[in-house]
Amino acid sequence: VKKSLMVICYVSLKQHDKSAGAKFIKTINSLSEVTECYNISGEFDFMLKVIVENMDAYYNFHVNKLSQSENIGHVQSVFVMGIIKQTHVVI
């Protein structure tokens, strides 16, 4: 099945202690839809790159997996409409 919908999810946690963060990271590492996860500064704590097949699959991921995780405060989803540049090469 081709996965063609890319979503950037910004996630904030309710609690910021070490054990809460570790539990969240363990959960994220178990979710196959999450292809990248970054600990970020600012309003949100983490930025996730999520790849799914379609909007129904994303809804299922958001409602039944991500939102069911402990300690989730706020999630903001940004849907990628097109890729302008994508590289992992640093010069």
PDB file of N, CA and C in Angstrom:
ATOM      1  N   VAL A   1       0.855  -1.188   0.000  1.00  0.00           N
ATOM      2  CA  VAL A   1       0.000   0.000   0.000  1.00  0.00           C
ATOM      3  C   VAL A   1       0.894   1.242   0.000  1.00  0.00           C
ATOM      4  N   LYS A   2       0.670   2.101  -0.951  1.00  0.00           N
ATOM      5  CA  LYS A   2       1.468   3.320  -1.039  1.00  0.00           C
ATOM      6  C   LYS A   2       0.989   4.334  -0.009  1.00  0.00           C
ATOM      7  N   LYS A   3       1.935   4.839   0.753  1.00  0.00           N
ATOM      8  CA  LYS A   3       1.605   5.873   1.736  1.00  0.00           C
ATOM      9  C   LYS A   3       1.940   7.210   1.115  1.00  0.00           C
ATOM     10  N   SER A   4       0.923   8.045   0.951  1.00  0.00           N
ATOM     11  CA  SER A   4       1.151   9.260   0.186  1.00  0.00           C
ATOM     12  C   SER A   4       0.816  10.558   0.918  1.00  0.00           C
ATOM     13  N   LEU A   5       0.322  10.473   2.130  1.00  0.00           N
ATOM     14  CA  LEU A   5      -0.017  11.683   2.878  1.00  0.00           C
ATOM     15  C   LEU A   5       1.044  11.923   3.948  1.00  0.00           C
ATOM     16  N   MET A   6       1.683  13.101   3.884  1.00  0.00           N
ATOM     17  CA  MET A   6       2.678  13.468   4.881  1.00  0.00           C
ATOM     18  C   MET A   6       2.083  14.540   5.777  1.00  0.00           C
ATOM     19  N   VAL A   7       2.220  14.341   7.076  1.00  0.00           N
ATOM     20  CA  VAL A   7       1.686  15.280   8.051  1.00  0.00           C
ATOM     21  C   VAL A   7       2.797  15.616   9.044  1.00  0.00           C
ATOM     22  N   ILE A   8       2.945  16.900   9.337  1.00  0.00           N
ATOM     23  CA  ILE A   8       3.851  17.334  10.388  1.00  0.00           C
ATOM     24  C   ILE A   8       2.986  17.581  11.622  1.00  0.00           C
ATOM     25  N   CYS A   9       3.288  16.883  12.705  1.00  0.00           N
ATOM     26  CA  CYS A   9       2.522  17.030  13.943  1.00  0.00           C
ATOM     27  C   CYS A   9       3.393  17.710  14.993  1.00  0.00           C
ATOM     28  N   TYR A  10       2.882  18.782  15.527  1.00  0.00           N
ATOM     29  CA  TYR A  10       3.540  19.448  16.648  1.00  0.00           C
ATOM     30  C   TYR A  10       2.828  18.984  17.908  1.00  0.00           C
ATOM     31  N   VAL A  11       3.596  18.508  18.885  1.00  0.00           N
ATOM     32  CA  VAL A  11       3.016  17.921  20.090  1.00  0.00           C
ATOM     33  C   VAL A  11       3.599  18.599  21.325  1.00  0.00           C
ATOM     34  N   SER A  12       2.711  18.992  22.240  1.00  0.00           N
ATOM     35  CA  SER A  12       3.175  19.468  23.547  1.00  0.00           C
ATOM     36  C   SER A  12       2.718  18.465  24.597  1.00  0.00           C
ATOM     37  N   LEU A  13       3.532  18.308  25.622  1.00  0.00           N
ATOM     38  CA  LEU A  13       3.213  17.402  26.712  1.00  0.00           C
ATOM     39  C   LEU A  13       2.622  18.171  27.884  1.00  0.00           C
ATOM     40  N   LYS A  14       1.795  17.503  28.681  1.00  0.00           N
ATOM     41  CA  LYS A  14       1.224  18.122  29.879  1.00  0.00           C
ATOM     42  C   LYS A  14       2.282  18.264  30.957  1.00  0.00           C
ATOM     43  N   GLN A  15       3.078  17.207  31.152  1.00  0.00           N
ATOM     44  CA  GLN A  15       4.138  17.210  32.155  1.00  0.00           C
ATOM     45  C   GLN A  15       5.478  17.103  31.441  1.00  0.00           C
ATOM     46  N   HIS A  16       6.499  17.733  32.016  1.00  0.00           N
ATOM     47  CA  HIS A  16       7.791  17.780  31.349  1.00  0.00           C
ATOM     48  C   HIS A  16       8.909  17.105  32.133  1.00  0.00           C
ATOM     49  N   ASP A  17       8.550  16.253  33.084  1.00  0.00           N
ATOM     50  CA  ASP A  17       9.601  15.568  33.843  1.00  0.00           C
ATOM     51  C   ASP A  17      10.231  14.464  32.986  1.00  0.00           C
ATOM     52  N   LYS A  18      11.364  13.970  33.447  1.00  0.00           N
ATOM     53  CA  LYS A  18      12.162  13.022  32.681  1.00  0.00           C
ATOM     54  C   LYS A  18      11.397  11.744  32.344  1.00  0.00           C
ATOM     55  N   SER A  19      10.677  11.183  33.301  1.00  0.00           N
ATOM     56  CA  SER A  19       9.970   9.922  33.059  1.00  0.00           C
ATOM     57  C   SER A  19       8.820  10.108  32.073  1.00  0.00           C
ATOM     58  N   ALA A  20       8.130  11.242  32.145  1.00  0.00           N
ATOM     59  CA  ALA A  20       7.031  11.509  31.209  1.00  0.00           C
ATOM     60  C   ALA A  20       7.566  11.622  29.784  1.00  0.00           C
ATOM     61  N   GLY A  21       8.685  12.314  29.638  1.00  0.00           N
ATOM     62  CA  GLY A  21       9.301  12.446  28.318  1.00  0.00           C
ATOM     63  C   GLY A  21       9.764  11.106  27.778  1.00  0.00           C
ATOM     64  N   ALA A  22      10.338  10.283  28.629  1.00  0.00           N
ATOM     65  CA  ALA A  22      10.814   8.959  28.219  1.00  0.00           C
ATOM     66  C   ALA A  22       9.664   8.064  27.770  1.00  0.00           C
ATOM     67  N   LYS A  23       8.530   8.129  28.468  1.00  0.00           N
ATOM     68  CA  LYS A  23       7.355   7.341  28.085  1.00  0.00           C
ATOM     69  C   LYS A  23       6.845   7.770  26.719  1.00  0.00           C
ATOM     70  N   PHE A  24       6.799   9.095  26.483  1.00  0.00           N
ATOM     71  CA  PHE A  24       6.339   9.599  25.194  1.00  0.00           C
ATOM     72  C   PHE A  24       7.264   9.111  24.082  1.00  0.00           C
ATOM     73  N   ILE A  25       8.559   9.200  24.293  1.00  0.00           N
ATOM     74  CA  ILE A  25       9.532   8.778  23.279  1.00  0.00           C
ATOM     75  C   ILE A  25       9.395   7.286  22.992  1.00  0.00           C
ATOM     76  N   LYS A  26       9.185   6.484  24.023  1.00  0.00           N
ATOM     77  CA  LYS A  26       8.989   5.045  23.830  1.00  0.00           C
ATOM     78  C   LYS A  26       7.746   4.793  22.973  1.00  0.00           C
ATOM     79  N   THR A  27       6.675   5.505  23.255  1.00  0.00           N
ATOM     80  CA  THR A  27       5.444   5.368  22.476  1.00  0.00           C
ATOM     81  C   THR A  27       5.684   5.747  21.023  1.00  0.00           C
ATOM     82  N   ILE A  28       6.328   6.888  20.792  1.00  0.00           N
ATOM     83  CA  ILE A  28       6.576   7.368  19.431  1.00  0.00           C
ATOM     84  C   ILE A  28       7.416   6.360  18.650  1.00  0.00           C
ATOM     85  N   ASN A  29       8.415   5.780  19.305  1.00  0.00           N
ATOM     86  CA  ASN A  29       9.266   4.791  18.636  1.00  0.00           C
ATOM     87  C   ASN A  29       8.508   3.532  18.251  1.00  0.00           C
ATOM     88  N   SER A  30       7.369   3.279  18.872  1.00  0.00           N
ATOM     89  CA  SER A  30       6.576   2.086  18.554  1.00  0.00           C
ATOM     90  C   SER A  30       5.557   2.329  17.436  1.00  0.00           C
ATOM     91  N   LEU A  31       5.386   3.573  17.020  1.00  0.00           N
ATOM     92  CA  LEU A  31       4.382   3.904  15.997  1.00  0.00           C
ATOM     93  C   LEU A  31       5.030   3.946  14.618  1.00  0.00           C
ATOM     94  N   SER A  32       4.680   2.991  13.766  1.00  0.00           N
ATOM     95  CA  SER A  32       5.308   2.894  12.440  1.00  0.00           C
ATOM     96  C   SER A  32       4.983   4.085  11.541  1.00  0.00           C
ATOM     97  N   GLU A  33       3.882   4.761  11.796  1.00  0.00           N
ATOM     98  CA  GLU A  33       3.506   5.922  10.980  1.00  0.00           C
ATOM     99  C   GLU A  33       4.462   7.103  11.181  1.00  0.00           C
ATOM    100  N   VAL A  34       5.107   7.161  12.344  1.00  0.00           N
ATOM    101  CA  VAL A  34       6.034   8.250  12.650  1.00  0.00           C
ATOM    102  C   VAL A  34       7.397   7.883  12.075  1.00  0.00           C
ATOM    103  N   THR A  35       7.830   8.651  11.065  1.00  0.00           N
ATOM    104  CA  THR A  35       9.102   8.351  10.413  1.00  0.00           C
ATOM    105  C   THR A  35      10.237   9.196  10.971  1.00  0.00           C
ATOM    106  N   GLU A  36       9.918  10.333  11.581  1.00  0.00           N
ATOM    107  CA  GLU A  36      10.923  11.191  12.193  1.00  0.00           C
ATOM    108  C   GLU A  36      10.300  11.866  13.409  1.00  0.00           C
ATOM    109  N   CYS A  37      11.135  12.116  14.422  1.00  0.00           N
ATOM    110  CA  CYS A  37      10.681  12.802  15.625  1.00  0.00           C
ATOM    111  C   CYS A  37      11.816  13.684  16.118  1.00  0.00           C
ATOM    112  N   TYR A  38      11.502  14.944  16.371  1.00  0.00           N
ATOM    113  CA  TYR A  38      12.490  15.911  16.840  1.00  0.00           C
ATOM    114  C   TYR A  38      12.003  16.546  18.138  1.00  0.00           C
ATOM    115  N   ASN A  39      12.895  16.707  19.088  1.00  0.00           N
ATOM    116  CA  ASN A  39      12.621  17.473  20.306  1.00  0.00           C
ATOM    117  C   ASN A  39      12.916  18.929  19.940  1.00  0.00           C
ATOM    118  N   ILE A  40      11.932  19.806  20.076  1.00  0.00           N
ATOM    119  CA  ILE A  40      12.079  21.177  19.595  1.00  0.00           C
ATOM    120  C   ILE A  40      11.836  22.187  20.715  1.00  0.00           C
ATOM    121  N   SER A  41      12.228  23.429  20.453  1.00  0.00           N
ATOM    122  CA  SER A  41      11.980  24.513  21.404  1.00  0.00           C
ATOM    123  C   SER A  41      10.738  25.277  20.966  1.00  0.00           C
ATOM    124  N   GLY A  42      10.232  26.112  21.846  1.00  0.00           N
ATOM    125  CA  GLY A  42       9.071  26.931  21.507  1.00  0.00           C
ATOM    126  C   GLY A  42       7.800  26.432  22.158  1.00  0.00           C
ATOM    127  N   GLU A  43       6.697  26.722  21.517  1.00  0.00           N
ATOM    128  CA  GLU A  43       5.371  26.397  22.054  1.00  0.00           C
ATOM    129  C   GLU A  43       5.155  24.887  22.193  1.00  0.00           C
ATOM    130  N   PHE A  44       5.752  24.101  21.293  1.00  0.00           N
ATOM    131  CA  PHE A  44       5.586  22.650  21.301  1.00  0.00           C
ATOM    132  C   PHE A  44       6.882  21.980  21.733  1.00  0.00           C
ATOM    133  N   ASP A  45       6.764  20.735  22.169  1.00  0.00           N
ATOM    134  CA  ASP A  45       7.916  19.979  22.653  1.00  0.00           C
ATOM    135  C   ASP A  45       8.529  19.067  21.591  1.00  0.00           C
ATOM    136  N   PHE A  46       7.682  18.559  20.691  1.00  0.00           N
ATOM    137  CA  PHE A  46       8.143  17.616  19.677  1.00  0.00           C
ATOM    138  C   PHE A  46       7.526  17.947  18.319  1.00  0.00           C
ATOM    139  N   MET A  47       8.273  17.612  17.279  1.00  0.00           N
ATOM    140  CA  MET A  47       7.770  17.705  15.904  1.00  0.00           C
ATOM    141  C   MET A  47       7.886  16.315  15.301  1.00  0.00           C
ATOM    142  N   LEU A  48       6.784  15.782  14.817  1.00  0.00           N
ATOM    143  CA  LEU A  48       6.746  14.450  14.226  1.00  0.00           C
ATOM    144  C   LEU A  48       6.479  14.552  12.734  1.00  0.00           C
ATOM    145  N   LYS A  49       7.149  13.717  11.967  1.00  0.00           N
ATOM    146  CA  LYS A  49       6.824  13.559  10.550  1.00  0.00           C
ATOM    147  C   LYS A  49       6.067  12.246  10.452  1.00  0.00           C
ATOM    148  N   VAL A  50       4.829  12.325  10.004  1.00  0.00           N
ATOM    149  CA  VAL A  50       3.941  11.163   9.952  1.00  0.00           C
ATOM    150  C   VAL A  50       3.593  10.887   8.496  1.00  0.00           C
ATOM    151  N   ILE A  51       3.750   9.632   8.078  1.00  0.00           N
ATOM    152  CA  ILE A  51       3.408   9.230   6.712  1.00  0.00           C
ATOM    153  C   ILE A  51       2.310   8.174   6.795  1.00  0.00           C
ATOM    154  N   VAL A  52       1.188   8.466   6.137  1.00  0.00           N
ATOM    155  CA  VAL A  52       0.053   7.540   6.106  1.00  0.00           C
ATOM    156  C   VAL A  52      -0.512   7.470   4.689  1.00  0.00           C
ATOM    157  N   GLU A  53      -1.441   6.568   4.489  1.00  0.00           N
ATOM    158  CA  GLU A  53      -2.009   6.351   3.158  1.00  0.00           C
ATOM    159  C   GLU A  53      -2.955   7.478   2.733  1.00  0.00           C
ATOM    160  N   ASN A  54      -3.807   7.922   3.668  1.00  0.00           N
ATOM    161  CA  ASN A  54      -4.832   8.915   3.305  1.00  0.00           C
ATOM    162  C   ASN A  54      -5.370   9.575   4.588  1.00  0.00           C
ATOM    163  N   MET A  55      -6.353  10.452   4.413  1.00  0.00           N
ATOM    164  CA  MET A  55      -6.919  11.177   5.557  1.00  0.00           C
ATOM    165  C   MET A  55      -7.586  10.242   6.564  1.00  0.00           C
ATOM    166  N   ASP A  56      -8.242   9.197   6.097  1.00  0.00           N
ATOM    167  CA  ASP A  56      -8.865   8.238   7.018  1.00  0.00           C
ATOM    168  C   ASP A  56      -7.812   7.569   7.888  1.00  0.00           C
ATOM    169  N   ALA A  57      -6.692   7.210   7.276  1.00  0.00           N
ATOM    170  CA  ALA A  57      -5.604   6.578   8.027  1.00  0.00           C
ATOM    171  C   ALA A  57      -5.011   7.563   9.032  1.00  0.00           C
ATOM    172  N   TYR A  58      -4.907   8.846   8.645  1.00  0.00           N
ATOM    173  CA  TYR A  58      -4.386   9.824   9.589  1.00  0.00           C
ATOM    174  C   TYR A  58      -5.353  10.031  10.756  1.00  0.00           C
ATOM    175  N   TYR A  59      -6.643  10.090  10.454  1.00  0.00           N
ATOM    176  CA  TYR A  59      -7.652  10.225  11.506  1.00  0.00           C
ATOM    177  C   TYR A  59      -7.520   9.076  12.501  1.00  0.00           C
ATOM    178  N   ASN A  60      -7.381   7.850  11.981  1.00  0.00           N
ATOM    179  CA  ASN A  60      -7.223   6.676  12.842  1.00  0.00           C
ATOM    180  C   ASN A  60      -5.954   6.798  13.685  1.00  0.00           C
ATOM    181  N   PHE A  61      -4.848   7.216  13.073  1.00  0.00           N
ATOM    182  CA  PHE A  61      -3.589   7.397  13.794  1.00  0.00           C
ATOM    183  C   PHE A  61      -3.753   8.438  14.902  1.00  0.00           C
ATOM    184  N   HIS A  62      -4.345   9.568  14.571  1.00  0.00           N
ATOM    185  CA  HIS A  62      -4.479  10.672  15.518  1.00  0.00           C
ATOM    186  C   HIS A  62      -5.386  10.307  16.690  1.00  0.00           C
ATOM    187  N   VAL A  63      -6.552   9.765  16.386  1.00  0.00           N
ATOM    188  CA  VAL A  63      -7.558   9.484  17.413  1.00  0.00           C
ATOM    189  C   VAL A  63      -7.231   8.233  18.227  1.00  0.00           C
ATOM    190  N   ASN A  64      -6.801   7.175  17.560  1.00  0.00           N
ATOM    191  CA  ASN A  64      -6.647   5.885  18.234  1.00  0.00           C
ATOM    192  C   ASN A  64      -5.231   5.567  18.702  1.00  0.00           C
ATOM    193  N   LYS A  65      -4.243   6.316  18.242  1.00  0.00           N
ATOM    194  CA  LYS A  65      -2.869   6.031  18.653  1.00  0.00           C
ATOM    195  C   LYS A  65      -2.245   7.228  19.353  1.00  0.00           C
ATOM    196  N   LEU A  66      -2.030   8.312  18.629  1.00  0.00           N
ATOM    197  CA  LEU A  66      -1.325   9.459  19.208  1.00  0.00           C
ATOM    198  C   LEU A  66      -2.080  10.060  20.390  1.00  0.00           C
ATOM    199  N   SER A  67      -3.355  10.322  20.216  1.00  0.00           N
ATOM    200  CA  SER A  67      -4.137  10.966  21.280  1.00  0.00           C
ATOM    201  C   SER A  67      -4.372  10.056  22.486  1.00  0.00           C
ATOM    202  N   GLN A  68      -4.209   8.758  22.311  1.00  0.00           N
ATOM    203  CA  GLN A  68      -4.375   7.817  23.417  1.00  0.00           C
ATOM    204  C   GLN A  68      -3.106   7.703  24.269  1.00  0.00           C
ATOM    205  N   SER A  69      -2.017   8.279  23.785  1.00  0.00           N
ATOM    206  CA  SER A  69      -0.763   8.240  24.534  1.00  0.00           C
ATOM    207  C   SER A  69      -0.898   9.057  25.805  1.00  0.00           C
ATOM    208  N   GLU A  70      -0.207   8.625  26.847  1.00  0.00           N
ATOM    209  CA  GLU A  70      -0.231   9.363  28.107  1.00  0.00           C
ATOM    210  C   GLU A  70       0.424  10.721  27.943  1.00  0.00           C
ATOM    211  N   ASN A  71      -0.074  11.704  28.652  1.00  0.00           N
ATOM    212  CA  ASN A  71       0.607  12.984  28.805  1.00  0.00           C
ATOM    213  C   ASN A  71       0.564  13.901  27.585  1.00  0.00           C
ATOM    214  N   ILE A  72      -0.303  13.615  26.624  1.00  0.00           N
ATOM    215  CA  ILE A  72      -0.406  14.493  25.449  1.00  0.00           C
ATOM    216  C   ILE A  72      -1.181  15.740  25.853  1.00  0.00           C
ATOM    217  N   GLY A  73      -0.586  16.900  25.645  1.00  0.00           N
ATOM    218  CA  GLY A  73      -1.257  18.150  25.962  1.00  0.00           C
ATOM    219  C   GLY A  73      -2.015  18.695  24.770  1.00  0.00           C
ATOM    220  N   HIS A  74      -1.277  19.057  23.722  1.00  0.00           N
ATOM    221  CA  HIS A  74      -1.888  19.663  22.541  1.00  0.00           C
ATOM    222  C   HIS A  74      -1.190  19.128  21.307  1.00  0.00           C
ATOM    223  N   VAL A  75      -1.969  18.887  20.249  1.00  0.00           N
ATOM    224  CA  VAL A  75      -1.418  18.429  18.968  1.00  0.00           C
ATOM    225  C   VAL A  75      -1.898  19.378  17.884  1.00  0.00           C
ATOM    226  N   GLN A  76      -0.980  19.825  17.063  1.00  0.00           N
ATOM    227  CA  GLN A  76      -1.341  20.631  15.887  1.00  0.00           C
ATOM    228  C   GLN A  76      -0.832  19.889  14.658  1.00  0.00           C
ATOM    229  N   SER A  77      -1.720  19.612  13.710  1.00  0.00           N
ATOM    230  CA  SER A  77      -1.368  18.869  12.503  1.00  0.00           C
ATOM    231  C   SER A  77      -1.281  19.816  11.319  1.00  0.00           C
ATOM    232  N   VAL A  78      -0.196  19.689  10.567  1.00  0.00           N
ATOM    233  CA  VAL A  78       0.016  20.484   9.357  1.00  0.00           C
ATOM    234  C   VAL A  78       0.148  19.496   8.208  1.00  0.00           C
ATOM    235  N   PHE A  79      -0.706  19.614   7.207  1.00  0.00           N
ATOM    236  CA  PHE A  79      -0.717  18.686   6.082  1.00  0.00           C
ATOM    237  C   PHE A  79       0.175  19.215   4.968  1.00  0.00           C
ATOM    238  N   VAL A  80       1.128  18.386   4.533  1.00  0.00           N
ATOM    239  CA  VAL A  80       2.065  18.784   3.493  1.00  0.00           C
ATOM    240  C   VAL A  80       1.360  18.677   2.144  1.00  0.00           C
ATOM    241  N   MET A  81       1.275  19.807   1.440  1.00  0.00           N
ATOM    242  CA  MET A  81       0.582  19.847   0.151  1.00  0.00           C
ATOM    243  C   MET A  81       1.524  19.560  -1.015  1.00  0.00           C
ATOM    244  N   GLY A  82       2.806  19.780  -0.821  1.00  0.00           N
ATOM    245  CA  GLY A  82       3.782  19.505  -1.874  1.00  0.00           C
ATOM    246  C   GLY A  82       5.182  19.602  -1.316  1.00  0.00           C
ATOM    247  N   ILE A  83       6.090  18.857  -1.909  1.00  0.00           N
ATOM    248  CA  ILE A  83       7.490  18.876  -1.482  1.00  0.00           C
ATOM    249  C   ILE A  83       8.285  19.715  -2.481  1.00  0.00           C
ATOM    250  N   ILE A  84       8.910  20.760  -1.996  1.00  0.00           N
ATOM    251  CA  ILE A  84       9.714  21.643  -2.831  1.00  0.00           C
ATOM    252  C   ILE A  84      11.158  21.155  -2.879  1.00  0.00           C
ATOM    253  N   LYS A  85      11.703  20.785  -1.733  1.00  0.00           N
ATOM    254  CA  LYS A  85      13.057  20.259  -1.656  1.00  0.00           C
ATOM    255  C   LYS A  85      13.106  19.244  -0.535  1.00  0.00           C
ATOM    256  N   GLN A  86      13.752  18.111  -0.810  1.00  0.00           N
ATOM    257  CA  GLN A  86      13.871  17.072   0.207  1.00  0.00           C
ATOM    258  C   GLN A  86      15.219  16.380   0.020  1.00  0.00           C
ATOM    259  N   THR A  87      16.113  16.634   0.931  1.00  0.00           N
ATOM    260  CA  THR A  87      17.441  16.052   0.869  1.00  0.00           C
ATOM    261  C   THR A  87      17.980  15.839   2.273  1.00  0.00           C
ATOM    262  N   HIS A  88      18.894  14.930   2.394  1.00  0.00           N
ATOM    263  CA  HIS A  88      19.538  14.706   3.671  1.00  0.00           C
ATOM    264  C   HIS A  88      21.055  14.910   3.545  1.00  0.00           C
ATOM    265  N   VAL A  89      21.438  15.544   2.433  1.00  0.00           N
ATOM    266  CA  VAL A  89      22.834  15.801   2.167  1.00  0.00           C
ATOM    267  C   VAL A  89      23.186  17.181   2.683  1.00  0.00           C
ATOM    268  N   VAL A  90      24.228  17.260   3.503  1.00  0.00           N
ATOM    269  CA  VAL A  90      24.700  18.543   4.030  1.00  0.00           C
ATOM    270  C   VAL A  90      26.077  18.796   3.444  1.00  0.00           C
ATOM    271  N   ILE A  91      26.232  19.961   2.850  1.00  0.00           N
ATOM    272  CA  ILE A  91      27.525  20.313   2.243  1.00  0.00           C
ATOM    273  C   ILE A  91      28.203  21.394   3.062  1.00  0.00           C
TER     274      ILE A  91
END
